[in-house]
Amino acid sequence: MAAMTNTTTNRMKRLIADISEHGATPSRVKKITNALRAVTAERDAAADQVKELESRLAEPKPRPIETAPKDGRLLRLFVHYEINDWTPLEDADKAWTIGFNGLDATGEDEWQMAGWCWGHDHFTEGKGEPIGWLPFHCAETVTVQPLAWCSAGYNGQSQEASALGLDVFYRVSGKPGDWTLTSPGAREYVHTPGYATREDARAAAQVDYARRVLGALIDAPAREVTVRENRASELMRLSWDIDARADEVARNNLPVSAYNELRDVAKGIRALVPDDEKQAVVAALSQGGEA
């Protein structure tokens, strides 16, 4: 699409120069009008593609709820809400939240989830029907940071990037029109030539890096639920992490409203944990164990 648009816009530039030099005859005006329409159509098509990609990235595809683990682990839940029990975190009848099901430990097949009271503006226990789920931490929600490149070689044309503990994990070298990407193979470095621009080679390195990182991520295996490894522990740890973020906001003199909002979120999450389970988590930590 980009190449086609560049061709069309270059044609427009030639037509404009032609009109400037020889005058706006009906034939030339018609040609430039048609070129303008082509550019507009291509621009609109590209915009539609961008919107589609953005919607895919913004809305992760939930897994069937029938496949969700019920061992007490914290999950991302996609929930359908009824108007009579309106507790979604977003103003929509289908929305994401967090929650768990402790069937394996309690024998009760019941979903508990975070919700929002729209009448009084505070967190509450959510009421709805989970229709999909995702692991709380999974590859679909992980973003691989961009590689940091630096110049190398006697002329500075080559570039190198460190990754995964190696000072030189990727190297891009060559000349305009023929760049080579060097990256680790199974036993030795692999040289892949033929990239038209240095940016193309760097983009290929970023894709390879993301594949290596995301390929190493797996969902945590199901584990027997204990006092130290249950939903209370995960919820409490999440609330403490949010508290830490609130403290960071305060240290950086950011708006008080942001600090208060984070504190309210942490407090709402802790409200989902019964007092006896809170005490068990704190007791395990105080004795040097893992909550």
C-alpha atoms as a PDB file:
ATOM      1  CA  MET A   1       0.000   0.000   0.000  1.00  0.00           C
ATOM      2  CA  ALA A   2       2.809   2.439   0.889  1.00  0.00           C
ATOM      3  CA  ALA A   3       4.621   1.848  -2.423  1.00  0.00           C
ATOM      4  CA  MET A   4       1.427   2.357  -4.389  1.00  0.00           C
ATOM      5  CA  THR A   5       0.665   5.630  -2.591  1.00  0.00           C
ATOM      6  CA  ASN A   6       4.207   6.937  -3.189  1.00  0.00           C
ATOM      7  CA  THR A   7       3.847   6.185  -6.893  1.00  0.00           C
ATOM      8  CA  THR A   8       0.545   8.060  -7.037  1.00  0.00           C
ATOM      9  CA  THR A   9       1.801  11.080  -5.103  1.00  0.00           C
ATOM     10  CA  ASN A  10       4.924  11.285  -7.297  1.00  0.00           C
ATOM     11  CA  ARG A  11       2.645  11.303 -10.330  1.00  0.00           C
ATOM     12  CA  MET A  12       0.688  14.183  -8.762  1.00  0.00           C
ATOM     13  CA  LYS A  13       3.892  16.157  -8.240  1.00  0.00           C
ATOM     14  CA  ARG A  14       4.793  15.735 -11.914  1.00  0.00           C
ATOM     15  CA  LEU A  15       1.300  16.826 -12.976  1.00  0.00           C
ATOM     16  CA  ILE A  16       1.460  19.913 -10.747  1.00  0.00           C
ATOM     17  CA  ALA A  17       4.861  20.836 -12.199  1.00  0.00           C
ATOM     18  CA  ASP A  18       3.439  20.297 -15.699  1.00  0.00           C
ATOM     19  CA  ILE A  19       0.516  22.628 -14.987  1.00  0.00           C
ATOM     20  CA  SER A  20       2.827  25.253 -13.474  1.00  0.00           C
ATOM     21  CA  GLU A  21       4.998  25.198 -16.604  1.00  0.00           C
ATOM     22  CA  HIS A  22       2.451  24.745 -19.366  1.00  0.00           C
ATOM     23  CA  GLY A  23      -0.854  25.952 -17.917  1.00  0.00           C
ATOM     24  CA  ALA A  24      -4.031  24.309 -16.603  1.00  0.00           C
ATOM     25  CA  THR A  25      -5.582  22.785 -19.700  1.00  0.00           C
ATOM     26  CA  PRO A  26      -8.762  20.691 -19.259  1.00  0.00           C
ATOM     27  CA  SER A  27      -6.776  17.528 -19.914  1.00  0.00           C
ATOM     28  CA  ARG A  28      -4.158  18.306 -17.262  1.00  0.00           C
ATOM     29  CA  VAL A  29      -6.826  19.307 -14.707  1.00  0.00           C
ATOM     30  CA  LYS A  30      -8.641  16.025 -15.309  1.00  0.00           C
ATOM     31  CA  LYS A  31      -5.437  14.029 -14.829  1.00  0.00           C
ATOM     32  CA  ILE A  32      -4.558  15.712 -11.552  1.00  0.00           C
ATOM     33  CA  THR A  33      -8.142  15.324 -10.310  1.00  0.00           C
ATOM     34  CA  ASN A  34      -8.013  11.579 -10.987  1.00  0.00           C
ATOM     35  CA  ALA A  35      -4.638  11.326  -9.232  1.00  0.00           C
ATOM     36  CA  LEU A  36      -6.029  13.153  -6.206  1.00  0.00           C
ATOM     37  CA  ARG A  37      -8.949  10.739  -6.027  1.00  0.00           C
ATOM     38  CA  ALA A  38      -6.554   7.798  -6.152  1.00  0.00           C
ATOM     39  CA  VAL A  39      -4.477   9.212  -3.291  1.00  0.00           C
ATOM     40  CA  THR A  40      -7.622   9.821  -1.229  1.00  0.00           C
ATOM     41  CA  ALA A  41      -8.899   6.295  -1.828  1.00  0.00           C
ATOM     42  CA  GLU A  42      -5.555   4.757  -0.862  1.00  0.00           C
ATOM     43  CA  ARG A  43      -5.301   6.932   2.234  1.00  0.00           C
ATOM     44  CA  ASP A  44      -8.795   5.895   3.373  1.00  0.00           C
ATOM     45  CA  ALA A  45      -8.014   2.216   2.759  1.00  0.00           C
ATOM     46  CA  ALA A  46      -4.805   2.492   4.788  1.00  0.00           C
ATOM     47  CA  ALA A  47      -6.671   4.255   7.604  1.00  0.00           C
ATOM     48  CA  ASP A  48      -9.224   1.425   7.701  1.00  0.00           C
ATOM     49  CA  GLN A  49      -6.412  -1.138   7.960  1.00  0.00           C
ATOM     50  CA  VAL A  50      -4.825   0.791  10.828  1.00  0.00           C
ATOM     51  CA  LYS A  51      -8.169   0.950  12.689  1.00  0.00           C
ATOM     52  CA  GLU A  52      -8.656  -2.788  12.248  1.00  0.00           C
ATOM     53  CA  LEU A  53      -5.173  -3.538  13.601  1.00  0.00           C
ATOM     54  CA  GLU A  54      -5.682  -1.169  16.539  1.00  0.00           C
ATOM     55  CA  SER A  55      -8.980  -2.851  17.427  1.00  0.00           C
ATOM     56  CA  ARG A  56      -7.324  -6.268  17.360  1.00  0.00           C
ATOM     57  CA  LEU A  57      -4.544  -5.078  19.662  1.00  0.00           C
ATOM     58  CA  ALA A  58      -6.921  -3.305  22.023  1.00  0.00           C
ATOM     59  CA  GLU A  59      -9.306  -6.248  22.377  1.00  0.00           C
ATOM     60  CA  PRO A  60      -7.451  -9.471  23.201  1.00  0.00           C
ATOM     61  CA  LYS A  61      -9.365 -12.557  22.132  1.00  0.00           C
ATOM     62  CA  PRO A  62     -10.697 -14.396  25.198  1.00  0.00           C
ATOM     63  CA  ARG A  63     -10.370 -18.158  25.546  1.00  0.00           C
ATOM     64  CA  PRO A  64     -13.512 -20.297  26.054  1.00  0.00           C
ATOM     65  CA  ILE A  65     -14.617 -20.094  29.680  1.00  0.00           C
ATOM     66  CA  GLU A  66     -14.999 -23.881  29.720  1.00  0.00           C
ATOM     67  CA  THR A  67     -11.203 -24.154  29.567  1.00  0.00           C
ATOM     68  CA  ALA A  68     -10.546 -21.802  32.502  1.00  0.00           C
ATOM     69  CA  PRO A  69      -8.677 -23.273  35.506  1.00  0.00           C
ATOM     70  CA  LYS A  70     -10.669 -23.413  38.734  1.00  0.00           C
ATOM     71  CA  ASP A  71      -7.821 -23.837  41.188  1.00  0.00           C
ATOM     72  CA  GLY A  72      -8.038 -20.398  42.773  1.00  0.00           C
ATOM     73  CA  ARG A  73      -5.505 -18.631  40.560  1.00  0.00           C
ATOM     74  CA  LEU A  74      -6.211 -15.060  39.549  1.00  0.00           C
ATOM     75  CA  LEU A  75      -7.454 -14.710  35.952  1.00  0.00           C
ATOM     76  CA  ARG A  76      -8.552 -12.035  33.522  1.00  0.00           C
ATOM     77  CA  LEU A  77     -12.266 -12.613  32.993  1.00  0.00           C
ATOM     78  CA  PHE A  78     -14.471 -11.420  30.119  1.00  0.00           C
ATOM     79  CA  VAL A  79     -17.901 -11.055  31.690  1.00  0.00           C
ATOM     80  CA  HIS A  80     -21.462 -10.531  30.481  1.00  0.00           C
ATOM     81  CA  TYR A  81     -23.434  -8.274  32.837  1.00  0.00           C
ATOM     82  CA  GLU A  82     -27.194  -7.963  33.297  1.00  0.00           C
ATOM     83  CA  ILE A  83     -28.768  -4.530  33.803  1.00  0.00           C
ATOM     84  CA  ASN A  84     -30.251  -5.638  37.152  1.00  0.00           C
ATOM     85  CA  ASP A  85     -26.765  -6.386  38.545  1.00  0.00           C
ATOM     86  CA  TRP A  86     -24.747  -3.639  36.859  1.00  0.00           C
ATOM     87  CA  THR A  87     -21.197  -3.967  38.201  1.00  0.00           C
ATOM     88  CA  PRO A  88     -18.814  -3.839  35.187  1.00  0.00           C
ATOM     89  CA  LEU A  89     -15.543  -1.928  35.508  1.00  0.00           C
ATOM     90  CA  GLU A  90     -16.394  -0.265  32.178  1.00  0.00           C
ATOM     91  CA  ASP A  91     -19.784   1.055  31.092  1.00  0.00           C
ATOM     92  CA  ALA A  92     -20.520  -1.906  28.795  1.00  0.00           C
ATOM     93  CA  ASP A  93     -22.584  -5.079  29.043  1.00  0.00           C
ATOM     94  CA  LYS A  94     -19.465  -7.129  28.186  1.00  0.00           C
ATOM     95  CA  ALA A  95     -16.198  -6.084  29.803  1.00  0.00           C
ATOM     96  CA  TRP A  96     -12.911  -7.348  31.269  1.00  0.00           C
ATOM     97  CA  THR A  97     -12.239  -7.714  34.998  1.00  0.00           C
ATOM     98  CA  ILE A  98     -10.189  -9.978  37.274  1.00  0.00           C
ATOM     99  CA  GLY A  99     -11.415 -12.884  39.361  1.00  0.00           C
ATOM    100  CA  PHE A 100     -11.066 -16.555  40.279  1.00  0.00           C
ATOM    101  CA  ASN A 101     -12.916 -19.822  40.854  1.00  0.00           C
ATOM    102  CA  GLY A 102     -11.887 -22.086  43.757  1.00  0.00           C
ATOM    103  CA  LEU A 103     -13.801 -25.234  42.769  1.00  0.00           C
ATOM    104  CA  ASP A 104     -10.769 -27.518  43.105  1.00  0.00           C
ATOM    105  CA  ALA A 105     -10.164 -26.449  46.706  1.00  0.00           C
ATOM    106  CA  THR A 106     -13.686 -25.687  47.991  1.00  0.00           C
ATOM    107  CA  GLY A 107     -15.925 -27.897  45.884  1.00  0.00           C
ATOM    108  CA  GLU A 108     -18.055 -24.846  45.036  1.00  0.00           C
ATOM    109  CA  ASP A 109     -18.164 -23.890  41.356  1.00  0.00           C
ATOM    110  CA  GLU A 110     -18.526 -20.158  41.933  1.00  0.00           C
ATOM    111  CA  TRP A 111     -16.822 -17.231  40.218  1.00  0.00           C
ATOM    112  CA  GLN A 112     -15.753 -14.261  42.304  1.00  0.00           C
ATOM    113  CA  MET A 113     -14.649 -11.102  40.556  1.00  0.00           C
ATOM    114  CA  ALA A 114     -13.920  -7.423  41.000  1.00  0.00           C
ATOM    115  CA  GLY A 115     -16.753  -5.050  40.152  1.00  0.00           C
ATOM    116  CA  TRP A 116     -17.739  -1.394  40.338  1.00  0.00           C
ATOM    117  CA  CYS A 117     -20.775   0.147  42.049  1.00  0.00           C
ATOM    118  CA  TRP A 118     -21.966   2.787  39.599  1.00  0.00           C
ATOM    119  CA  GLY A 119     -24.449   4.241  42.105  1.00  0.00           C
ATOM    120  CA  HIS A 120     -21.892   5.105  44.773  1.00  0.00           C
ATOM    121  CA  ASP A 121     -18.587   5.001  42.832  1.00  0.00           C
ATOM    122  CA  HIS A 122     -16.599   2.359  44.684  1.00  0.00           C
ATOM    123  CA  PHE A 123     -15.255  -1.155  44.111  1.00  0.00           C
ATOM    124  CA  THR A 124     -17.524  -4.041  44.982  1.00  0.00           C
ATOM    125  CA  GLU A 125     -17.937  -7.739  44.278  1.00  0.00           C
ATOM    126  CA  GLY A 126     -18.808  -8.180  40.620  1.00  0.00           C
ATOM    127  CA  LYS A 127     -21.980  -9.961  39.516  1.00  0.00           C
ATOM    128  CA  GLY A 128     -22.110 -11.385  36.014  1.00  0.00           C
ATOM    129  CA  GLU A 129     -21.540 -14.423  33.835  1.00  0.00           C
ATOM    130  CA  PRO A 130     -17.926 -15.049  32.771  1.00  0.00           C
ATOM    131  CA  ILE A 131     -17.912 -15.955  29.071  1.00  0.00           C
ATOM    132  CA  GLY A 132     -14.159 -15.926  28.407  1.00  0.00           C
ATOM    133  CA  TRP A 133     -10.790 -15.702  30.116  1.00  0.00           C
ATOM    134  CA  LEU A 134      -7.056 -15.088  29.723  1.00  0.00           C
ATOM    135  CA  PRO A 135      -4.123 -15.807  32.041  1.00  0.00           C
ATOM    136  CA  PHE A 136      -3.426 -12.849  34.287  1.00  0.00           C
ATOM    137  CA  HIS A 137       0.092 -12.704  32.805  1.00  0.00           C
ATOM    138  CA  CYS A 138       0.462 -14.113  29.298  1.00  0.00           C
ATOM    139  CA  ALA A 139       2.230 -13.549  25.995  1.00  0.00           C
ATOM    140  CA  GLU A 140      -0.847 -11.840  24.517  1.00  0.00           C
ATOM    141  CA  THR A 141      -0.391  -8.939  26.958  1.00  0.00           C
ATOM    142  CA  VAL A 142       3.417  -8.761  27.007  1.00  0.00           C
ATOM    143  CA  THR A 143       5.207  -6.046  25.052  1.00  0.00           C
ATOM    144  CA  VAL A 144       8.829  -6.658  24.074  1.00  0.00           C
ATOM    145  CA  GLN A 145      10.865  -3.484  24.476  1.00  0.00           C
ATOM    146  CA  PRO A 146      12.674  -2.131  21.397  1.00  0.00           C
ATOM    147  CA  LEU A 147      16.292  -3.102  20.913  1.00  0.00           C
ATOM    148  CA  ALA A 148      18.831  -0.365  21.714  1.00  0.00           C
ATOM    149  CA  TRP A 149      21.215   0.084  18.761  1.00  0.00           C
ATOM    150  CA  CYS A 150      24.622   1.746  18.770  1.00  0.00           C
ATOM    151  CA  SER A 151      27.117   2.489  16.008  1.00  0.00           C
ATOM    152  CA  ALA A 152      30.080   0.146  15.536  1.00  0.00           C
ATOM    153  CA  GLY A 153      32.958  -0.421  13.115  1.00  0.00           C
ATOM    154  CA  TYR A 154      35.655   1.945  11.918  1.00  0.00           C
ATOM    155  CA  ASN A 155      33.268   3.968   9.751  1.00  0.00           C
ATOM    156  CA  GLY A 156      30.284   3.815  12.114  1.00  0.00           C
ATOM    157  CA  GLN A 157      27.984   2.356   9.450  1.00  0.00           C
ATOM    158  CA  SER A 158      27.550  -0.953  11.264  1.00  0.00           C
ATOM    159  CA  GLN A 159      25.183  -1.109  14.223  1.00  0.00           C
ATOM    160  CA  GLU A 160      24.971  -3.514  17.174  1.00  0.00           C
ATOM    161  CA  ALA A 161      22.357  -4.316  19.810  1.00  0.00           C
ATOM    162  CA  SER A 162      22.692  -6.218  23.079  1.00  0.00           C
ATOM    163  CA  ALA A 163      20.050  -8.685  24.296  1.00  0.00           C
ATOM    164  CA  LEU A 164      19.550 -11.583  26.698  1.00  0.00           C
ATOM    165  CA  GLY A 165      22.867 -10.995  28.442  1.00  0.00           C
ATOM    166  CA  LEU A 166      25.041 -10.763  25.312  1.00  0.00           C
ATOM    167  CA  ASP A 167      26.760  -7.448  24.548  1.00  0.00           C
ATOM    168  CA  VAL A 168      26.495  -8.098  20.795  1.00  0.00           C
ATOM    169  CA  PHE A 169      23.394 -10.147  20.134  1.00  0.00           C
ATOM    170  CA  TYR A 170      22.547  -8.551  16.761  1.00  0.00           C
ATOM    171  CA  ARG A 171      24.745  -6.771  14.231  1.00  0.00           C
ATOM    172  CA  VAL A 172      23.707  -4.946  11.057  1.00  0.00           C
ATOM    173  CA  SER A 173      26.501  -4.327   8.546  1.00  0.00           C
ATOM    174  CA  GLY A 174      26.975  -3.766   4.820  1.00  0.00           C
ATOM    175  CA  LYS A 175      26.210  -0.950   2.440  1.00  0.00           C
ATOM    176  CA  PRO A 176      23.133   0.816   1.042  1.00  0.00           C
ATOM    177  CA  GLY A 177      21.046  -1.667  -0.905  1.00  0.00           C
ATOM    178  CA  ASP A 178      22.699  -4.742   0.629  1.00  0.00           C
ATOM    179  CA  TRP A 179      22.619  -4.944   4.428  1.00  0.00           C
ATOM    180  CA  THR A 180      23.340  -8.122   6.417  1.00  0.00           C
ATOM    181  CA  LEU A 181      21.773  -9.095   9.740  1.00  0.00           C
ATOM    182  CA  THR A 182      23.940 -11.219  12.048  1.00  0.00           C
ATOM    183  CA  SER A 183      22.202 -13.084  14.875  1.00  0.00           C
ATOM    184  CA  PRO A 184      22.881 -16.114  17.120  1.00  0.00           C
ATOM    185  CA  GLY A 185      22.086 -19.537  15.694  1.00  0.00           C
ATOM    186  CA  ALA A 186      22.049 -22.930  17.385  1.00  0.00           C
ATOM    187  CA  ARG A 187      25.870 -23.271  17.375  1.00  0.00           C
ATOM    188  CA  GLU A 188      27.233 -20.141  15.706  1.00  0.00           C
ATOM    189  CA  TYR A 189      26.179 -16.743  14.443  1.00  0.00           C
ATOM    190  CA  VAL A 190      23.985 -16.699  11.337  1.00  0.00           C
ATOM    191  CA  HIS A 191      24.483 -14.069   8.603  1.00  0.00           C
ATOM    192  CA  THR A 192      21.365 -13.083   6.642  1.00  0.00           C
ATOM    193  CA  PRO A 193      22.155 -10.726   3.717  1.00  0.00           C
ATOM    194  CA  GLY A 194      19.923  -8.963   1.216  1.00  0.00           C
ATOM    195  CA  TYR A 195      18.138  -6.236   3.199  1.00  0.00           C
ATOM    196  CA  ALA A 196      17.556  -3.126   1.106  1.00  0.00           C
ATOM    197  CA  THR A 197      17.905  -0.694   4.011  1.00  0.00           C
ATOM    198  CA  ARG A 198      19.501  -0.758   7.416  1.00  0.00           C
ATOM    199  CA  GLU A 199      16.059  -0.088   8.912  1.00  0.00           C
ATOM    200  CA  ASP A 200      14.702  -3.264   7.266  1.00  0.00           C
ATOM    201  CA  ALA A 201      17.477  -5.321   8.869  1.00  0.00           C
ATOM    202  CA  ARG A 202      16.852  -3.758  12.261  1.00  0.00           C
ATOM    203  CA  ALA A 203      13.121  -4.449  11.952  1.00  0.00           C
ATOM    204  CA  ALA A 204      13.902  -8.102  11.170  1.00  0.00           C
ATOM    205  CA  ALA A 205      16.086  -8.237  14.295  1.00  0.00           C
ATOM    206  CA  GLN A 206      13.238  -6.839  16.410  1.00  0.00           C
ATOM    207  CA  VAL A 207      10.848  -9.496  15.079  1.00  0.00           C
ATOM    208  CA  ASP A 208      13.396 -12.219  15.822  1.00  0.00           C
ATOM    209  CA  TYR A 209      13.973 -10.843  19.324  1.00  0.00           C
ATOM    210  CA  ALA A 210      10.230 -10.783  20.079  1.00  0.00           C
ATOM    211  CA  ARG A 211       9.898 -14.367  18.788  1.00  0.00           C
ATOM    212  CA  ARG A 212      12.673 -15.553  21.102  1.00  0.00           C
ATOM    213  CA  VAL A 213      11.277 -13.764  24.159  1.00  0.00           C
ATOM    214  CA  LEU A 214       7.599 -14.605  23.689  1.00  0.00           C
ATOM    215  CA  GLY A 215       8.413 -18.163  22.662  1.00  0.00           C
ATOM    216  CA  ALA A 216       9.923 -18.740  26.093  1.00  0.00           C
ATOM    217  CA  LEU A 217       6.740 -17.708  27.951  1.00  0.00           C
ATOM    218  CA  ILE A 218       4.263 -20.356  29.060  1.00  0.00           C
ATOM    219  CA  ASP A 219       1.244 -20.307  31.318  1.00  0.00           C
ATOM    220  CA  ALA A 220       2.013 -21.371  34.864  1.00  0.00           C
ATOM    221  CA  PRO A 221       1.067 -25.036  35.443  1.00  0.00           C
ATOM    222  CA  ALA A 222      -1.841 -25.819  37.704  1.00  0.00           C
ATOM    223  CA  ARG A 223      -0.747 -26.229  41.309  1.00  0.00           C
ATOM    224  CA  GLU A 224      -2.363 -27.498  44.458  1.00  0.00           C
ATOM    225  CA  VAL A 225      -3.914 -24.572  46.273  1.00  0.00           C
ATOM    226  CA  THR A 226      -2.426 -23.917  49.710  1.00  0.00           C
ATOM    227  CA  VAL A 227      -2.721 -21.106  52.211  1.00  0.00           C
ATOM    228  CA  ARG A 228       0.445 -19.613  50.712  1.00  0.00           C
ATOM    229  CA  GLU A 229      -0.507 -20.064  47.052  1.00  0.00           C
ATOM    230  CA  ASN A 230      -4.132 -19.148  46.654  1.00  0.00           C
ATOM    231  CA  ARG A 231      -6.341 -16.393  45.393  1.00  0.00           C
ATOM    232  CA  ALA A 232      -5.939 -14.360  48.583  1.00  0.00           C
ATOM    233  CA  SER A 233      -2.172 -14.266  48.080  1.00  0.00           C
ATOM    234  CA  GLU A 234      -2.476 -13.120  44.466  1.00  0.00           C
ATOM    235  CA  LEU A 235      -5.054 -10.437  45.281  1.00  0.00           C
ATOM    236  CA  MET A 236      -3.057  -9.137  48.227  1.00  0.00           C
ATOM    237  CA  ARG A 237       0.160  -9.029  46.214  1.00  0.00           C
ATOM    238  CA  LEU A 238      -1.647  -7.168  43.440  1.00  0.00           C
ATOM    239  CA  SER A 239      -2.992  -4.603  45.906  1.00  0.00           C
ATOM    240  CA  TRP A 240       0.484  -4.114  47.426  1.00  0.00           C
ATOM    241  CA  ASP A 241       1.952  -3.597  43.968  1.00  0.00           C
ATOM    242  CA  ILE A 242      -0.642  -0.884  43.300  1.00  0.00           C
ATOM    243  CA  ASP A 243       0.184   0.690  46.677  1.00  0.00           C
ATOM    244  CA  ALA A 244       3.835   0.791  45.613  1.00  0.00           C
ATOM    245  CA  ARG A 245       2.855   2.549  42.385  1.00  0.00           C
ATOM    246  CA  ALA A 246       0.890   5.083  44.435  1.00  0.00           C
ATOM    247  CA  ASP A 247       3.985   5.750  46.563  1.00  0.00           C
ATOM    248  CA  GLU A 248       5.976   6.272  43.352  1.00  0.00           C
ATOM    249  CA  VAL A 249       3.392   8.839  42.229  1.00  0.00           C
ATOM    250  CA  ALA A 250       3.816  10.673  45.528  1.00  0.00           C
ATOM    251  CA  ARG A 251       7.623  10.616  45.324  1.00  0.00           C
ATOM    252  CA  ASN A 252       7.513  12.158  41.855  1.00  0.00           C
ATOM    253  CA  ASN A 253       5.125  14.930  42.947  1.00  0.00           C
ATOM    254  CA  LEU A 254       2.453  13.838  40.470  1.00  0.00           C
ATOM    255  CA  PRO A 255      -1.193  14.932  40.928  1.00  0.00           C
ATOM    256  CA  VAL A 256      -2.794  13.970  44.245  1.00  0.00           C
ATOM    257  CA  SER A 257      -5.826  12.708  42.320  1.00  0.00           C
ATOM    258  CA  ALA A 258      -3.671   9.992  40.698  1.00  0.00           C
ATOM    259  CA  TYR A 259      -2.332   8.966  44.121  1.00  0.00           C
ATOM    260  CA  ASN A 260      -5.855   8.770  45.611  1.00  0.00           C
ATOM    261  CA  GLU A 261      -7.188   6.803  42.662  1.00  0.00           C
ATOM    262  CA  LEU A 262      -4.453   4.168  42.969  1.00  0.00           C
ATOM    263  CA  ARG A 263      -5.015   3.879  46.719  1.00  0.00           C
ATOM    264  CA  ASP A 264      -8.758   3.373  46.127  1.00  0.00           C
ATOM    265  CA  VAL A 265      -8.044   0.628  43.571  1.00  0.00           C
ATOM    266  CA  ALA A 266      -5.745  -1.197  46.034  1.00  0.00           C
ATOM    267  CA  LYS A 267      -8.309  -0.860  48.821  1.00  0.00           C
ATOM    268  CA  GLY A 268     -11.074  -2.201  46.555  1.00  0.00           C
ATOM    269  CA  ILE A 269      -9.026  -5.260  45.630  1.00  0.00           C
ATOM    270  CA  ARG A 270      -8.236  -5.995  49.283  1.00  0.00           C
ATOM    271  CA  ALA A 271     -11.959  -5.810  50.045  1.00  0.00           C
ATOM    272  CA  LEU A 272     -12.390  -8.992  47.972  1.00  0.00           C
ATOM    273  CA  VAL A 273     -10.250 -10.976  50.433  1.00  0.00           C
ATOM    274  CA  PRO A 274     -11.913 -12.262  53.636  1.00  0.00           C
ATOM    275  CA  ASP A 275     -10.228 -11.102  56.846  1.00  0.00           C
ATOM    276  CA  ASP A 276      -9.125 -14.603  57.875  1.00  0.00           C
ATOM    277  CA  GLU A 277      -7.373 -15.136  54.522  1.00  0.00           C
ATOM    278  CA  LYS A 278      -5.672 -11.733  54.809  1.00  0.00           C
ATOM    279  CA  GLN A 279      -4.326 -12.782  58.191  1.00  0.00           C
ATOM    280  CA  ALA A 280      -3.063 -16.085  56.758  1.00  0.00           C
ATOM    281  CA  VAL A 281      -1.152 -14.276  54.012  1.00  0.00           C
ATOM    282  CA  VAL A 282       0.416 -11.789  56.436  1.00  0.00           C
ATOM    283  CA  ALA A 283       1.246 -14.573  58.911  1.00  0.00           C
ATOM    284  CA  ALA A 284       3.027 -16.605  56.225  1.00  0.00           C
ATOM    285  CA  LEU A 285       5.131 -13.609  55.218  1.00  0.00           C
ATOM    286  CA  SER A 286       5.942 -12.693  58.815  1.00  0.00           C
ATOM    287  CA  GLN A 287       7.332 -16.190  59.363  1.00  0.00           C
ATOM    288  CA  GLY A 288       9.653 -15.896  56.398  1.00  0.00           C
ATOM    289  CA  GLY A 289       7.502 -17.989  54.061  1.00  0.00           C
ATOM    290  CA  GLU A 290       6.016 -17.268  50.665  1.00  0.00           C
ATOM    291  CA  ALA A 291       2.468 -16.013  50.712  1.00  0.00           C
END
